[in-house]
Amino acid sequence: MLQRRLARGDTDVGRFVDGAAEAAHRAATLTQRLLAFSRRQPLSPQPLDANRMVGGMSDLLS
């Protein structure tokens, strides 16, 4: 999405960079949890704000 915006000459891409960084952080967390599960390590579940998560993916879903 960032490449498409830049190709069109759009310079207001900060939110896309922030979204990509947040997605990378979520992917790293998921990977850690999957590895812990496969190793049968104890997990530390934390509450999740589903509205915030879906709202943060609205650009990707469009």
PDB file of N, CA and C in Angstrom:
ATOM      1  N   MET A   1       0.817  -1.180   0.000  1.00  0.00           N
ATOM      2  CA  MET A   1       0.000   0.000   0.000  1.00  0.00           C
ATOM      3  C   MET A   1       0.868   1.253   0.000  1.00  0.00           C
ATOM      4  N   LEU A   2       1.943   1.194   0.740  1.00  0.00           N
ATOM      5  CA  LEU A   2       2.852   2.336   0.810  1.00  0.00           C
ATOM      6  C   LEU A   2       3.478   2.604  -0.550  1.00  0.00           C
ATOM      7  N   GLN A   3       3.890   1.560  -1.242  1.00  0.00           N
ATOM      8  CA  GLN A   3       4.495   1.733  -2.564  1.00  0.00           C
ATOM      9  C   GLN A   3       3.507   2.331  -3.548  1.00  0.00           C
ATOM     10  N   ARG A   4       2.251   1.904  -3.485  1.00  0.00           N
ATOM     11  CA  ARG A   4       1.240   2.464  -4.389  1.00  0.00           C
ATOM     12  C   ARG A   4       1.026   3.939  -4.121  1.00  0.00           C
ATOM     13  N   ARG A   5       0.963   4.312  -2.858  1.00  0.00           N
ATOM     14  CA  ARG A   5       0.767   5.729  -2.502  1.00  0.00           C
ATOM     15  C   ARG A   5       1.948   6.568  -2.973  1.00  0.00           C
ATOM     16  N   LEU A   6       3.153   6.067  -2.764  1.00  0.00           N
ATOM     17  CA  LEU A   6       4.331   6.813  -3.192  1.00  0.00           C
ATOM     18  C   LEU A   6       4.398   6.925  -4.713  1.00  0.00           C
ATOM     19  N   ALA A   7       3.989   5.868  -5.417  1.00  0.00           N
ATOM     20  CA  ALA A   7       4.001   5.892  -6.883  1.00  0.00           C
ATOM     21  C   ALA A   7       3.035   6.945  -7.418  1.00  0.00           C
ATOM     22  N   ARG A   8       1.946   7.195  -6.686  1.00  0.00           N
ATOM     23  CA  ARG A   8       0.978   8.217  -7.096  1.00  0.00           C
ATOM     24  C   ARG A   8       1.422   9.616  -6.695  1.00  0.00           C
ATOM     25  N   GLY A   9       2.518   9.725  -5.966  1.00  0.00           N
ATOM     26  CA  GLY A   9       3.022  11.025  -5.545  1.00  0.00           C
ATOM     27  C   GLY A   9       2.468  11.484  -4.211  1.00  0.00           C
ATOM     28  N   ASP A  10       1.768  10.621  -3.502  1.00  0.00           N
ATOM     29  CA  ASP A  10       1.214  10.959  -2.195  1.00  0.00           C
ATOM     30  C   ASP A  10       2.341  10.972  -1.172  1.00  0.00           C
ATOM     31  N   THR A  11       2.496  12.080  -0.464  1.00  0.00           N
ATOM     32  CA  THR A  11       3.585  12.179   0.515  1.00  0.00           C
ATOM     33  C   THR A  11       3.098  11.993   1.945  1.00  0.00           C
ATOM     34  N   ASP A  12       1.800  11.915   2.153  1.00  0.00           N
ATOM     35  CA  ASP A  12       1.250  11.725   3.493  1.00  0.00           C
ATOM     36  C   ASP A  12       1.128  10.218   3.766  1.00  0.00           C
ATOM     37  N   VAL A  13       2.255   9.586   4.020  1.00  0.00           N
ATOM     38  CA  VAL A  13       2.285   8.129   4.177  1.00  0.00           C
ATOM     39  C   VAL A  13       2.685   7.700   5.590  1.00  0.00           C
ATOM     40  N   GLY A  14       2.768   8.644   6.499  1.00  0.00           N
ATOM     41  CA  GLY A  14       3.190   8.334   7.865  1.00  0.00           C
ATOM     42  C   GLY A  14       2.322   7.297   8.536  1.00  0.00           C
ATOM     43  N   ARG A  15       1.010   7.377   8.324  1.00  0.00           N
ATOM     44  CA  ARG A  15       0.134   6.408   8.978  1.00  0.00           C
ATOM     45  C   ARG A  15       0.332   5.007   8.428  1.00  0.00           C
ATOM     46  N   PHE A  16       0.733   4.898   7.162  1.00  0.00           N
ATOM     47  CA  PHE A  16       0.994   3.578   6.585  1.00  0.00           C
ATOM     48  C   PHE A  16       2.287   2.988   7.150  1.00  0.00           C
ATOM     49  N   VAL A  17       3.271   3.839   7.377  1.00  0.00           N
ATOM     50  CA  VAL A  17       4.520   3.382   7.987  1.00  0.00           C
ATOM     51  C   VAL A  17       4.243   2.926   9.417  1.00  0.00           C
ATOM     52  N   ASP A  18       3.443   3.706  10.141  1.00  0.00           N
ATOM     53  CA  ASP A  18       3.081   3.316  11.510  1.00  0.00           C
ATOM     54  C   ASP A  18       2.306   2.005  11.514  1.00  0.00           C
ATOM     55  N   GLY A  19       1.399   1.838  10.563  1.00  0.00           N
ATOM     56  CA  GLY A  19       0.626   0.606  10.462  1.00  0.00           C
ATOM     57  C   GLY A  19       1.513  -0.599  10.174  1.00  0.00           C
ATOM     58  N   ALA A  20       2.497  -0.398   9.316  1.00  0.00           N
ATOM     59  CA  ALA A  20       3.410  -1.498   8.999  1.00  0.00           C
ATOM     60  C   ALA A  20       4.250  -1.878  10.216  1.00  0.00           C
ATOM     61  N   ALA A  21       4.696  -0.881  10.971  1.00  0.00           N
ATOM     62  CA  ALA A  21       5.484  -1.160  12.172  1.00  0.00           C
ATOM     63  C   ALA A  21       4.640  -1.901  13.212  1.00  0.00           C
ATOM     64  N   GLU A  22       3.383  -1.473  13.380  1.00  0.00           N
ATOM     65  CA  GLU A  22       2.486  -2.146  14.325  1.00  0.00           C
ATOM     66  C   GLU A  22       2.199  -3.578  13.880  1.00  0.00           C
ATOM     67  N   ALA A  23       2.012  -3.789  12.580  1.00  0.00           N
ATOM     68  CA  ALA A  23       1.766  -5.146  12.061  1.00  0.00           C
ATOM     69  C   ALA A  23       2.983  -6.036  12.293  1.00  0.00           C
ATOM     70  N   ALA A  24       4.179  -5.490  12.118  1.00  0.00           N
ATOM     71  CA  ALA A  24       5.395  -6.270  12.360  1.00  0.00           C
ATOM     72  C   ALA A  24       5.505  -6.646  13.834  1.00  0.00           C
ATOM     73  N   HIS A  25       5.122  -5.725  14.715  1.00  0.00           N
ATOM     74  CA  HIS A  25       5.155  -6.012  16.153  1.00  0.00           C
ATOM     75  C   HIS A  25       4.145  -7.115  16.502  1.00  0.00           C
ATOM     76  N   ARG A  26       2.947  -7.032  15.940  1.00  0.00           N
ATOM     77  CA  ARG A  26       1.937  -8.072  16.192  1.00  0.00           C
ATOM     78  C   ARG A  26       2.400  -9.424  15.660  1.00  0.00           C
ATOM     79  N   ALA A  27       3.057  -9.424  14.503  1.00  0.00           N
ATOM     80  CA  ALA A  27       3.556 -10.676  13.925  1.00  0.00           C
ATOM     81  C   ALA A  27       4.640 -11.287  14.818  1.00  0.00           C
ATOM     82  N   ALA A  28       5.510 -10.443  15.354  1.00  0.00           N
ATOM     83  CA  ALA A  28       6.561 -10.945  16.241  1.00  0.00           C
ATOM     84  C   ALA A  28       5.965 -11.538  17.510  1.00  0.00           C
ATOM     85  N   THR A  29       4.949 -10.865  18.059  1.00  0.00           N
ATOM     86  CA  THR A  29       4.285 -11.371  19.262  1.00  0.00           C
ATOM     87  C   THR A  29       3.604 -12.698  18.984  1.00  0.00           C
ATOM     88  N   LEU A  30       2.915 -12.792  17.846  1.00  0.00           N
ATOM     89  CA  LEU A  30       2.254 -14.045  17.483  1.00  0.00           C
ATOM     90  C   LEU A  30       3.270 -15.165  17.312  1.00  0.00           C
ATOM     91  N   THR A  31       4.389 -14.882  16.678  1.00  0.00           N
ATOM     92  CA  THR A  31       5.438 -15.889  16.492  1.00  0.00           C
ATOM     93  C   THR A  31       5.968 -16.380  17.836  1.00  0.00           C
ATOM     94  N   GLN A  32       6.190 -15.445  18.762  1.00  0.00           N
ATOM     95  CA  GLN A  32       6.664 -15.839  20.097  1.00  0.00           C
ATOM     96  C   GLN A  32       5.651 -16.747  20.791  1.00  0.00           C
ATOM     97  N   ARG A  33       4.370 -16.403  20.668  1.00  0.00           N
ATOM     98  CA  ARG A  33       3.339 -17.219  21.308  1.00  0.00           C
ATOM     99  C   ARG A  33       3.236 -18.597  20.676  1.00  0.00           C
ATOM    100  N   LEU A  34       3.349 -18.662  19.363  1.00  0.00           N
ATOM    101  CA  LEU A  34       3.298 -19.962  18.690  1.00  0.00           C
ATOM    102  C   LEU A  34       4.484 -20.837  19.075  1.00  0.00           C
ATOM    103  N   LEU A  35       5.654 -20.226  19.172  1.00  0.00           N
ATOM    104  CA  LEU A  35       6.829 -20.986  19.597  1.00  0.00           C
ATOM    105  C   LEU A  35       6.680 -21.463  21.038  1.00  0.00           C
ATOM    106  N   ALA A  36       6.163 -20.615  21.906  1.00  0.00           N
ATOM    107  CA  ALA A  36       5.954 -21.006  23.295  1.00  0.00           C
ATOM    108  C   ALA A  36       4.947 -22.152  23.374  1.00  0.00           C
ATOM    109  N   PHE A  37       3.896 -22.072  22.574  1.00  0.00           N
ATOM    110  CA  PHE A  37       2.893 -23.141  22.569  1.00  0.00           C
ATOM    111  C   PHE A  37       3.508 -24.451  22.087  1.00  0.00           C
ATOM    112  N   SER A  38       4.309 -24.389  21.033  1.00  0.00           N
ATOM    113  CA  SER A  38       4.901 -25.622  20.505  1.00  0.00           C
ATOM    114  C   SER A  38       5.908 -26.226  21.475  1.00  0.00           C
ATOM    115  N   ARG A  39       6.509 -25.394  22.298  1.00  0.00           N
ATOM    116  CA  ARG A  39       7.466 -25.888  23.303  1.00  0.00           C
ATOM    117  C   ARG A  39       6.788 -26.196  24.631  1.00  0.00           C
ATOM    118  N   ARG A  40       5.479 -25.992  24.670  1.00  0.00           N
ATOM    119  CA  ARG A  40       4.677 -26.224  25.873  1.00  0.00           C
ATOM    120  C   ARG A  40       5.124 -25.346  27.036  1.00  0.00           C
ATOM    121  N   GLN A  41       5.565 -24.119  26.721  1.00  0.00           N
ATOM    122  CA  GLN A  41       5.932 -23.163  27.759  1.00  0.00           C
ATOM    123  C   GLN A  41       4.658 -22.475  28.260  1.00  0.00           C
ATOM    124  N   PRO A  42       4.649 -22.066  29.515  1.00  0.00           N
ATOM    125  CA  PRO A  42       3.469 -21.351  30.025  1.00  0.00           C
ATOM    126  C   PRO A  42       3.314 -20.001  29.325  1.00  0.00           C
ATOM    127  N   LEU A  43       2.078 -19.667  28.974  1.00  0.00           N
ATOM    128  CA  LEU A  43       1.790 -18.401  28.307  1.00  0.00           C
ATOM    129  C   LEU A  43       1.267 -17.396  29.322  1.00  0.00           C
ATOM    130  N   SER A  44       1.372 -16.129  28.990  1.00  0.00           N
ATOM    131  CA  SER A  44       0.809 -15.086  29.855  1.00  0.00           C
ATOM    132  C   SER A  44      -0.243 -14.329  29.045  1.00  0.00           C
ATOM    133  N   PRO A  45      -1.480 -14.822  29.048  1.00  0.00           N
ATOM    134  CA  PRO A  45      -2.525 -14.172  28.255  1.00  0.00           C
ATOM    135  C   PRO A  45      -2.794 -12.747  28.746  1.00  0.00           C
ATOM    136  N   GLN A  46      -3.091 -11.861  27.797  1.00  0.00           N
ATOM    137  CA  GLN A  46      -3.395 -10.474  28.118  1.00  0.00           C
ATOM    138  C   GLN A  46      -4.666 -10.078  27.385  1.00  0.00           C
ATOM    139  N   PRO A  47      -5.454  -9.158  27.973  1.00  0.00           N
ATOM    140  CA  PRO A  47      -6.688  -8.729  27.310  1.00  0.00           C
ATOM    141  C   PRO A  47      -6.388  -8.009  25.994  1.00  0.00           C
ATOM    142  N   LEU A  48      -7.334  -8.112  25.063  1.00  0.00           N
ATOM    143  CA  LEU A  48      -7.171  -7.537  23.742  1.00  0.00           C
ATOM    144  C   LEU A  48      -8.350  -6.625  23.444  1.00  0.00           C
ATOM    145  N   ASP A  49      -8.083  -5.424  22.933  1.00  0.00           N
ATOM    146  CA  ASP A  49      -9.138  -4.501  22.520  1.00  0.00           C
ATOM    147  C   ASP A  49      -9.422  -4.772  21.046  1.00  0.00           C
ATOM    148  N   ALA A  50     -10.453  -5.578  20.769  1.00  0.00           N
ATOM    149  CA  ALA A  50     -10.760  -5.993  19.399  1.00  0.00           C
ATOM    150  C   ALA A  50     -11.143  -4.804  18.521  1.00  0.00           C
ATOM    151  N   ASN A  51     -11.847  -3.822  19.070  1.00  0.00           N
ATOM    152  CA  ASN A  51     -12.219  -2.649  18.281  1.00  0.00           C
ATOM    153  C   ASN A  51     -10.989  -1.901  17.797  1.00  0.00           C
ATOM    154  N   ARG A  52     -10.008  -1.731  18.665  1.00  0.00           N
ATOM    155  CA  ARG A  52      -8.774  -1.038  18.292  1.00  0.00           C
ATOM    156  C   ARG A  52      -8.011  -1.828  17.229  1.00  0.00           C
ATOM    157  N   MET A  53      -7.980  -3.139  17.394  1.00  0.00           N
ATOM    158  CA  MET A  53      -7.259  -3.989  16.453  1.00  0.00           C
ATOM    159  C   MET A  53      -7.882  -3.927  15.059  1.00  0.00           C
ATOM    160  N   VAL A  54      -9.198  -4.067  14.982  1.00  0.00           N
ATOM    161  CA  VAL A  54      -9.884  -4.016  13.688  1.00  0.00           C
ATOM    162  C   VAL A  54      -9.796  -2.617  13.095  1.00  0.00           C
ATOM    163  N   GLY A  55      -9.921  -1.600  13.936  1.00  0.00           N
ATOM    164  CA  GLY A  55      -9.790  -0.223  13.458  1.00  0.00           C
ATOM    165  C   GLY A  55      -8.420   0.055  12.866  1.00  0.00           C
ATOM    166  N   GLY A  56      -7.397  -0.558  13.439  1.00  0.00           N
ATOM    167  CA  GLY A  56      -6.041  -0.378  12.937  1.00  0.00           C
ATOM    168  C   GLY A  56      -5.798  -1.092  11.611  1.00  0.00           C
ATOM    169  N   MET A  57      -6.672  -2.038  11.287  1.00  0.00           N
ATOM    170  CA  MET A  57      -6.516  -2.774  10.031  1.00  0.00           C
ATOM    171  C   MET A  57      -7.469  -2.278   8.947  1.00  0.00           C
ATOM    172  N   SER A  58      -8.205  -1.206   9.211  1.00  0.00           N
ATOM    173  CA  SER A  58      -9.224  -0.753   8.255  1.00  0.00           C
ATOM    174  C   SER A  58      -8.621  -0.396   6.894  1.00  0.00           C
ATOM    175  N   ASP A  59      -7.441   0.243   6.874  1.00  0.00           N
ATOM    176  CA  ASP A  59      -6.797   0.565   5.604  1.00  0.00           C
ATOM    177  C   ASP A  59      -6.425  -0.694   4.841  1.00  0.00           C
ATOM    178  N   LEU A  60      -5.928  -1.681   5.564  1.00  0.00           N
ATOM    179  CA  LEU A  60      -5.554  -2.937   4.930  1.00  0.00           C
ATOM    180  C   LEU A  60      -6.768  -3.670   4.386  1.00  0.00           C
ATOM    181  N   LEU A  61      -7.870  -3.645   5.138  1.00  0.00           N
ATOM    182  CA  LEU A  61      -9.078  -4.331   4.709  1.00  0.00           C
ATOM    183  C   LEU A  61      -9.742  -3.643   3.512  1.00  0.00           C
ATOM    184  N   SER A  62      -9.558  -2.330   3.375  1.00  0.00           N
ATOM    185  CA  SER A  62     -10.134  -1.628   2.229  1.00  0.00           C
ATOM    186  C   SER A  62      -9.344  -1.985   1.006  1.00  0.00           C
TER     187      SER A  62
END
